[in-house]
Amino acid sequence: MEISITMPTTTIVYIGRCNERDYVFALDRGVAEKLVRQHFAFGNPSCDDYAVSNKWALSDTAPGWKIITQEVDTLKIEVELKVGDEDETSHVAWTCPVCTKAFSDDWTSGDRLPILLSCGCNDKSKFLLGVRNM
């Protein structure tokens, strides 16, 4: 897959955060909330070793889960959809234009393009918008 870089655009991202740590991100607030509820870290820590909390923060400074709205610069990148059959998981394949590392993320039937992707290369998270046929 050829890597092409676009000029950054400003995008609103919704981040699912618990106790000052980011766990999920999405282009839609409702999707971010759904991802939080499905995440392994969402649950009762006294019943699950991997859970951090099942409580939603009641204020900006309170502990618990919250959805943070953030404006970020994003680069548009071309992605390839690799659709599997009923026994195989579908994937979106992409390459970070900064570090040139190739990635493959799960793709579900409810996913739509553009898809929000993230790479933590160069010790700094960056968001990317995956599209087809740039």
C-alpha atoms as a PDB file:
ATOM      1  CA  MET A   1       0.000   0.000   0.000  1.00  0.00           C
ATOM      2  CA  GLU A   2       1.433   3.338  -1.034  1.00  0.00           C
ATOM      3  CA  ILE A   3       1.689   5.959   1.712  1.00  0.00           C
ATOM      4  CA  SER A   4       0.403   9.423   0.926  1.00  0.00           C
ATOM      5  CA  ILE A   5       0.240  12.270   3.428  1.00  0.00           C
ATOM      6  CA  THR A   6      -2.429  14.967   3.474  1.00  0.00           C
ATOM      7  CA  MET A   7      -2.419  18.316   5.178  1.00  0.00           C
ATOM      8  CA  PRO A   8      -3.658  18.007   8.788  1.00  0.00           C
ATOM      9  CA  THR A   9      -7.289  18.859   9.441  1.00  0.00           C
ATOM     10  CA  THR A  10      -8.941  19.613  12.769  1.00  0.00           C
ATOM     11  CA  THR A  11     -11.218  16.818  13.962  1.00  0.00           C
ATOM     12  CA  ILE A  12     -13.339  16.464  17.101  1.00  0.00           C
ATOM     13  CA  VAL A  13     -12.479  13.234  18.922  1.00  0.00           C
ATOM     14  CA  TYR A  14     -14.316  11.699  21.881  1.00  0.00           C
ATOM     15  CA  ILE A  15     -12.001   9.953  24.332  1.00  0.00           C
ATOM     16  CA  GLY A  16     -13.145   7.482  26.989  1.00  0.00           C
ATOM     17  CA  ARG A  17     -10.992   8.231  30.030  1.00  0.00           C
ATOM     18  CA  CYS A  18     -10.886   6.767  33.516  1.00  0.00           C
ATOM     19  CA  ASN A  19      -8.825   8.266  36.337  1.00  0.00           C
ATOM     20  CA  GLU A  20      -6.736  10.328  33.911  1.00  0.00           C
ATOM     21  CA  ARG A  21      -5.918   7.406  31.578  1.00  0.00           C
ATOM     22  CA  ASP A  22      -7.301   7.205  28.028  1.00  0.00           C
ATOM     23  CA  TYR A  23      -8.790   3.855  26.985  1.00  0.00           C
ATOM     24  CA  VAL A  24     -10.956   4.365  23.886  1.00  0.00           C
ATOM     25  CA  PHE A  25     -11.522   6.972  21.193  1.00  0.00           C
ATOM     26  CA  ALA A  26     -14.184   7.602  18.532  1.00  0.00           C
ATOM     27  CA  LEU A  27     -15.573  10.185  16.137  1.00  0.00           C
ATOM     28  CA  ASP A  28     -18.987  10.050  17.857  1.00  0.00           C
ATOM     29  CA  ARG A  29     -19.822  10.525  21.547  1.00  0.00           C
ATOM     30  CA  GLY A  30     -22.343   7.662  21.615  1.00  0.00           C
ATOM     31  CA  VAL A  31     -19.835   5.293  20.031  1.00  0.00           C
ATOM     32  CA  ALA A  32     -17.206   6.312  22.611  1.00  0.00           C
ATOM     33  CA  GLU A  33     -19.651   5.553  25.468  1.00  0.00           C
ATOM     34  CA  LYS A  34     -20.476   2.173  23.918  1.00  0.00           C
ATOM     35  CA  LEU A  35     -16.769   1.343  23.559  1.00  0.00           C
ATOM     36  CA  VAL A  36     -16.175   2.227  27.220  1.00  0.00           C
ATOM     37  CA  ARG A  37     -18.968  -0.120  28.356  1.00  0.00           C
ATOM     38  CA  GLN A  38     -17.501  -2.928  26.195  1.00  0.00           C
ATOM     39  CA  HIS A  39     -13.891  -2.344  27.288  1.00  0.00           C
ATOM     40  CA  PHE A  40     -12.195  -4.879  29.583  1.00  0.00           C
ATOM     41  CA  ALA A  41     -11.290  -2.032  31.985  1.00  0.00           C
ATOM     42  CA  PHE A  42     -14.973  -1.190  32.559  1.00  0.00           C
ATOM     43  CA  GLY A  43     -16.160  -3.260  35.496  1.00  0.00           C
ATOM     44  CA  ASN A  44     -16.002  -3.780  39.221  1.00  0.00           C
ATOM     45  CA  PRO A  45     -12.324  -3.985  40.301  1.00  0.00           C
ATOM     46  CA  SER A  46     -13.241  -6.122  43.328  1.00  0.00           C
ATOM     47  CA  CYS A  47     -14.665  -8.783  40.976  1.00  0.00           C
ATOM     48  CA  ASP A  48     -12.332  -8.459  37.975  1.00  0.00           C
ATOM     49  CA  ASP A  49      -8.527  -8.103  38.080  1.00  0.00           C
ATOM     50  CA  TYR A  50      -8.496  -6.144  34.806  1.00  0.00           C
ATOM     51  CA  ALA A  51     -11.295  -3.718  35.606  1.00  0.00           C
ATOM     52  CA  VAL A  52     -10.481  -0.199  36.824  1.00  0.00           C
ATOM     53  CA  SER A  53     -14.010   1.120  37.489  1.00  0.00           C
ATOM     54  CA  ASN A  54     -17.661   0.730  36.567  1.00  0.00           C
ATOM     55  CA  LYS A  55     -18.641   4.207  37.781  1.00  0.00           C
ATOM     56  CA  TRP A  56     -19.123   7.322  35.669  1.00  0.00           C
ATOM     57  CA  ALA A  57     -17.503  10.501  37.035  1.00  0.00           C
ATOM     58  CA  LEU A  58     -20.046  12.925  38.480  1.00  0.00           C
ATOM     59  CA  SER A  59     -17.854  15.965  37.750  1.00  0.00           C
ATOM     60  CA  ASP A  60     -14.750  16.886  35.755  1.00  0.00           C
ATOM     61  CA  THR A  61     -12.521  16.318  38.794  1.00  0.00           C
ATOM     62  CA  ALA A  62     -14.262  13.231  40.240  1.00  0.00           C
ATOM     63  CA  PRO A  63     -12.794   9.748  39.762  1.00  0.00           C
ATOM     64  CA  GLY A  64     -14.405   7.365  37.275  1.00  0.00           C
ATOM     65  CA  TRP A  65     -15.182   7.183  33.575  1.00  0.00           C
ATOM     66  CA  LYS A  66     -15.840  10.279  31.500  1.00  0.00           C
ATOM     67  CA  ILE A  67     -15.996  11.160  27.826  1.00  0.00           C
ATOM     68  CA  ILE A  68     -13.591  13.970  26.954  1.00  0.00           C
ATOM     69  CA  THR A  69     -14.148  16.056  23.819  1.00  0.00           C
ATOM     70  CA  GLN A  70     -10.912  17.120  22.186  1.00  0.00           C
ATOM     71  CA  GLU A  71     -10.019  18.934  18.965  1.00  0.00           C
ATOM     72  CA  VAL A  72      -7.009  17.266  17.369  1.00  0.00           C
ATOM     73  CA  ASP A  73      -5.068  17.548  14.137  1.00  0.00           C
ATOM     74  CA  THR A  74      -5.572  14.469  11.987  1.00  0.00           C
ATOM     75  CA  LEU A  75      -3.992  13.204   8.791  1.00  0.00           C
ATOM     76  CA  LYS A  76      -6.120  11.388   6.206  1.00  0.00           C
ATOM     77  CA  ILE A  77      -4.645   8.075   5.161  1.00  0.00           C
ATOM     78  CA  GLU A  78      -5.795   5.395   2.761  1.00  0.00           C
ATOM     79  CA  VAL A  79      -6.871   2.097   4.311  1.00  0.00           C
ATOM     80  CA  GLU A  80      -7.607  -1.325   2.875  1.00  0.00           C
ATOM     81  CA  LEU A  81     -10.587  -3.379   4.072  1.00  0.00           C
ATOM     82  CA  LYS A  82      -9.950  -7.119   4.283  1.00  0.00           C
ATOM     83  CA  VAL A  83     -13.344  -8.723   4.735  1.00  0.00           C
ATOM     84  CA  GLY A  84     -13.368 -12.249   6.131  1.00  0.00           C
ATOM     85  CA  ASP A  85     -16.048 -14.911   5.914  1.00  0.00           C
ATOM     86  CA  GLU A  86     -18.302 -15.889   8.841  1.00  0.00           C
ATOM     87  CA  ASP A  87     -15.425 -17.813  10.499  1.00  0.00           C
ATOM     88  CA  GLU A  88     -12.823 -15.110  10.007  1.00  0.00           C
ATOM     89  CA  THR A  89     -12.492 -11.623  11.497  1.00  0.00           C
ATOM     90  CA  SER A  90     -12.482  -8.714   9.047  1.00  0.00           C
ATOM     91  CA  HIS A  91      -9.695  -6.138   9.298  1.00  0.00           C
ATOM     92  CA  VAL A  92      -8.753  -2.650   8.222  1.00  0.00           C
ATOM     93  CA  ALA A  93      -5.107  -2.525   7.133  1.00  0.00           C
ATOM     94  CA  TRP A  94      -3.207   0.745   7.286  1.00  0.00           C
ATOM     95  CA  THR A  95       0.272   2.220   7.461  1.00  0.00           C
ATOM     96  CA  CYS A  96       1.279   5.160   9.645  1.00  0.00           C
ATOM     97  CA  PRO A  97       2.684   7.889   7.389  1.00  0.00           C
ATOM     98  CA  VAL A  98       5.007   9.096  10.177  1.00  0.00           C
ATOM     99  CA  CYS A  99       6.761   5.880  11.265  1.00  0.00           C
ATOM    100  CA  THR A 100       5.802   3.790   8.158  1.00  0.00           C
ATOM    101  CA  LYS A 101       4.775   0.873  10.391  1.00  0.00           C
ATOM    102  CA  ALA A 102       1.939  -1.330   9.074  1.00  0.00           C
ATOM    103  CA  PHE A 103      -1.081  -2.087  11.293  1.00  0.00           C
ATOM    104  CA  SER A 104      -4.230  -4.191  11.105  1.00  0.00           C
ATOM    105  CA  ASP A 105      -7.256  -3.493  13.314  1.00  0.00           C
ATOM    106  CA  ASP A 106     -10.493  -5.461  13.647  1.00  0.00           C
ATOM    107  CA  TRP A 107     -13.358  -4.284  11.432  1.00  0.00           C
ATOM    108  CA  THR A 108     -16.934  -5.057  12.471  1.00  0.00           C
ATOM    109  CA  SER A 109     -20.113  -4.865  10.419  1.00  0.00           C
ATOM    110  CA  GLY A 110     -21.117  -1.664  12.253  1.00  0.00           C
ATOM    111  CA  ASP A 111     -17.885   0.182  11.404  1.00  0.00           C
ATOM    112  CA  ARG A 112     -17.978   2.966   8.804  1.00  0.00           C
ATOM    113  CA  LEU A 113     -15.411   5.086   6.986  1.00  0.00           C
ATOM    114  CA  PRO A 114     -13.782   7.356   7.800  1.00  0.00           C
ATOM    115  CA  ILE A 115     -12.426   5.351  10.715  1.00  0.00           C
ATOM    116  CA  LEU A 116     -10.446   6.961  13.518  1.00  0.00           C
ATOM    117  CA  LEU A 117      -7.024   5.350  14.025  1.00  0.00           C
ATOM    118  CA  SER A 118      -4.150   6.158  16.362  1.00  0.00           C
ATOM    119  CA  CYS A 119      -0.402   5.567  16.296  1.00  0.00           C
ATOM    120  CA  GLY A 120       1.856   6.221  19.271  1.00  0.00           C
ATOM    121  CA  CYS A 121       5.081   6.468  17.293  1.00  0.00           C
ATOM    122  CA  ASN A 122       7.769   8.948  18.237  1.00  0.00           C
ATOM    123  CA  ASP A 123       6.450   8.844  21.850  1.00  0.00           C
ATOM    124  CA  LYS A 124       3.426  10.975  20.959  1.00  0.00           C
ATOM    125  CA  SER A 125      -0.060   9.734  20.095  1.00  0.00           C
ATOM    126  CA  LYS A 126      -1.388  10.947  16.809  1.00  0.00           C
ATOM    127  CA  PHE A 127      -4.831  10.451  15.315  1.00  0.00           C
ATOM    128  CA  LEU A 128      -5.405   9.467  11.708  1.00  0.00           C
ATOM    129  CA  LEU A 129      -8.583   9.295   9.599  1.00  0.00           C
ATOM    130  CA  GLY A 130      -8.744   6.162   7.490  1.00  0.00           C
ATOM    131  CA  VAL A 131     -10.474   6.581   4.128  1.00  0.00           C
ATOM    132  CA  ARG A 132     -10.566   4.688   0.840  1.00  0.00           C
ATOM    133  CA  ASN A 133      -9.493   5.950  -2.574  1.00  0.00           C
ATOM    134  CA  MET A 134      -7.789   9.211  -1.670  1.00  0.00           C
END
